[in-house]
Amino acid sequence: MKKTIITVLGKDRVGIIAKVCVYLSQNNINILDIAQTIVDGYFNMMMVVDAGNASKDHNMIADELTDLGKEIGVQIKAQQQEIFDMMHRL
């Protein structure tokens, strides 16, 4: 299993989750866990996914998700779990 952390942040609008999930499905990436909130009109989502069987490498996935975020007006970041954990240690 190759866990990746995906975060999505931006103004709430219809279709954000759908577009991200379609991208993941098309690239054989399985969602393991997902949490999302909307606070005062701002959308925040964090996903833990398994990219072990992904059809593309991590860098390409991260770049394409960044581009998808720009298309739909949100910021999307994808980080490998090990890097995410190291960056968020107390």
C-alpha atoms as a PDB file:
ATOM      1  CA  MET A   1       0.000   0.000   0.000  1.00  0.00           C
ATOM      2  CA  LYS A   2       1.293   3.438  -0.965  1.00  0.00           C
ATOM      3  CA  LYS A   3      -0.633   6.008   1.064  1.00  0.00           C
ATOM      4  CA  THR A   4      -0.986   9.549  -0.191  1.00  0.00           C
ATOM      5  CA  ILE A   5      -2.583  12.491   1.619  1.00  0.00           C
ATOM      6  CA  ILE A   6      -4.698  14.791  -0.547  1.00  0.00           C
ATOM      7  CA  THR A   7      -5.930  18.140   0.744  1.00  0.00           C
ATOM      8  CA  VAL A   8      -8.455  20.410  -0.959  1.00  0.00           C
ATOM      9  CA  LEU A   9      -9.183  23.978   0.159  1.00  0.00           C
ATOM     10  CA  GLY A  10     -11.222  26.780  -1.379  1.00  0.00           C
ATOM     11  CA  LYS A  11     -14.572  28.497  -1.721  1.00  0.00           C
ATOM     12  CA  ASP A  12     -17.376  25.964  -1.589  1.00  0.00           C
ATOM     13  CA  ARG A  13     -19.152  25.123  -4.823  1.00  0.00           C
ATOM     14  CA  VAL A  14     -21.027  22.226  -6.337  1.00  0.00           C
ATOM     15  CA  GLY A  15     -18.972  19.327  -7.696  1.00  0.00           C
ATOM     16  CA  ILE A  16     -15.640  19.603  -5.884  1.00  0.00           C
ATOM     17  CA  ILE A  17     -15.772  16.134  -4.328  1.00  0.00           C
ATOM     18  CA  ALA A  18     -17.174  14.615  -7.515  1.00  0.00           C
ATOM     19  CA  LYS A  19     -14.403  15.980  -9.726  1.00  0.00           C
ATOM     20  CA  VAL A  20     -11.635  14.866  -7.364  1.00  0.00           C
ATOM     21  CA  CYS A  21     -13.183  11.405  -6.958  1.00  0.00           C
ATOM     22  CA  VAL A  22     -13.604  10.960 -10.719  1.00  0.00           C
ATOM     23  CA  TYR A  23      -9.923  11.817 -11.219  1.00  0.00           C
ATOM     24  CA  LEU A  24      -8.891   9.300  -8.557  1.00  0.00           C
ATOM     25  CA  SER A  25     -11.093   6.585 -10.027  1.00  0.00           C
ATOM     26  CA  GLN A  26      -9.780   7.162 -13.551  1.00  0.00           C
ATOM     27  CA  ASN A  27      -6.238   6.696 -12.235  1.00  0.00           C
ATOM     28  CA  ASN A  28      -6.929   3.555 -10.179  1.00  0.00           C
ATOM     29  CA  ILE A  29      -6.443   5.321  -6.832  1.00  0.00           C
ATOM     30  CA  ASN A  30      -8.522   3.966  -3.936  1.00  0.00           C
ATOM     31  CA  ILE A  31      -9.953   6.252  -1.246  1.00  0.00           C
ATOM     32  CA  LEU A  32      -9.214   4.857   2.226  1.00  0.00           C
ATOM     33  CA  ASP A  33     -10.580   7.713   4.330  1.00  0.00           C
ATOM     34  CA  ILE A  34     -12.168  11.078   3.676  1.00  0.00           C
ATOM     35  CA  ALA A  35     -13.223  14.018   5.848  1.00  0.00           C
ATOM     36  CA  GLN A  36     -14.654  17.318   4.705  1.00  0.00           C
ATOM     37  CA  THR A  37     -16.039  20.425   6.328  1.00  0.00           C
ATOM     38  CA  ILE A  38     -17.485  23.701   5.186  1.00  0.00           C
ATOM     39  CA  VAL A  39     -16.828  26.712   7.405  1.00  0.00           C
ATOM     40  CA  ASP A  40     -18.348  30.065   6.506  1.00  0.00           C
ATOM     41  CA  GLY A  41     -18.491  29.129   2.835  1.00  0.00           C
ATOM     42  CA  TYR A  42     -14.979  27.648   2.656  1.00  0.00           C
ATOM     43  CA  PHE A  43     -14.554  24.007   1.703  1.00  0.00           C
ATOM     44  CA  ASN A  44     -11.853  21.878   3.342  1.00  0.00           C
ATOM     45  CA  MET A  45     -11.287  18.199   2.551  1.00  0.00           C
ATOM     46  CA  MET A  46      -8.603  15.718   3.530  1.00  0.00           C
ATOM     47  CA  MET A  47      -8.338  12.299   1.934  1.00  0.00           C
ATOM     48  CA  VAL A  48      -6.097   9.339   2.616  1.00  0.00           C
ATOM     49  CA  VAL A  49      -5.760   7.290  -0.553  1.00  0.00           C
ATOM     50  CA  ASP A  50      -3.924   4.184  -1.679  1.00  0.00           C
ATOM     51  CA  ALA A  51      -1.925   5.009  -4.801  1.00  0.00           C
ATOM     52  CA  GLY A  52      -0.109   1.661  -4.876  1.00  0.00           C
ATOM     53  CA  ASN A  53      -1.902   0.598  -8.062  1.00  0.00           C
ATOM     54  CA  ALA A  54      -2.062   4.054  -9.617  1.00  0.00           C
ATOM     55  CA  SER A  55      -1.633   4.287 -13.359  1.00  0.00           C
ATOM     56  CA  LYS A  56       0.780   7.246 -12.985  1.00  0.00           C
ATOM     57  CA  ASP A  57       3.678   8.136 -10.705  1.00  0.00           C
ATOM     58  CA  HIS A  58       3.252  10.389  -7.666  1.00  0.00           C
ATOM     59  CA  ASN A  59       4.701  13.522  -9.267  1.00  0.00           C
ATOM     60  CA  MET A  60       2.368  13.313 -12.251  1.00  0.00           C
ATOM     61  CA  ILE A  61      -0.638  12.724  -9.980  1.00  0.00           C
ATOM     62  CA  ALA A  62       0.326  15.675  -7.767  1.00  0.00           C
ATOM     63  CA  ASP A  63       0.775  17.948 -10.802  1.00  0.00           C
ATOM     64  CA  GLU A  64      -2.509  16.889 -12.388  1.00  0.00           C
ATOM     65  CA  LEU A  65      -4.397  17.372  -9.120  1.00  0.00           C
ATOM     66  CA  THR A  66      -2.877  20.865  -8.818  1.00  0.00           C
ATOM     67  CA  ASP A  67      -4.095  21.598 -12.349  1.00  0.00           C
ATOM     68  CA  LEU A  68      -7.546  20.169 -11.565  1.00  0.00           C
ATOM     69  CA  GLY A  69      -7.720  22.449  -8.534  1.00  0.00           C
ATOM     70  CA  LYS A  70      -6.976  25.480 -10.692  1.00  0.00           C
ATOM     71  CA  GLU A  71      -9.729  24.428 -13.116  1.00  0.00           C
ATOM     72  CA  ILE A  72     -12.346  24.167 -10.370  1.00  0.00           C
ATOM     73  CA  GLY A  73     -11.150  27.101  -8.258  1.00  0.00           C
ATOM     74  CA  VAL A  74      -9.621  25.303  -5.268  1.00  0.00           C
ATOM     75  CA  GLN A  75      -6.141  24.419  -4.061  1.00  0.00           C
ATOM     76  CA  ILE A  76      -5.319  20.692  -4.198  1.00  0.00           C
ATOM     77  CA  LYS A  77      -2.118  19.199  -2.776  1.00  0.00           C
ATOM     78  CA  ALA A  78      -1.022  15.566  -2.826  1.00  0.00           C
ATOM     79  CA  GLN A  79       1.790  14.401  -0.568  1.00  0.00           C
ATOM     80  CA  GLN A  80       3.170  10.957   0.083  1.00  0.00           C
ATOM     81  CA  GLN A  81       2.279   9.888   3.620  1.00  0.00           C
ATOM     82  CA  GLU A  82       5.886   9.738   4.821  1.00  0.00           C
ATOM     83  CA  ILE A  83       6.557  13.333   3.760  1.00  0.00           C
ATOM     84  CA  PHE A  84       3.231  14.562   5.148  1.00  0.00           C
ATOM     85  CA  ASP A  85       3.982  12.906   8.523  1.00  0.00           C
ATOM     86  CA  MET A  86       7.479  14.422   8.695  1.00  0.00           C
ATOM     87  CA  MET A  87       6.176  17.903   7.867  1.00  0.00           C
ATOM     88  CA  HIS A  88       3.501  17.742  10.566  1.00  0.00           C
ATOM     89  CA  ARG A  89       5.467  16.373  13.510  1.00  0.00           C
ATOM     90  CA  LEU A  90       5.233  18.317  16.728  1.00  0.00           C
END
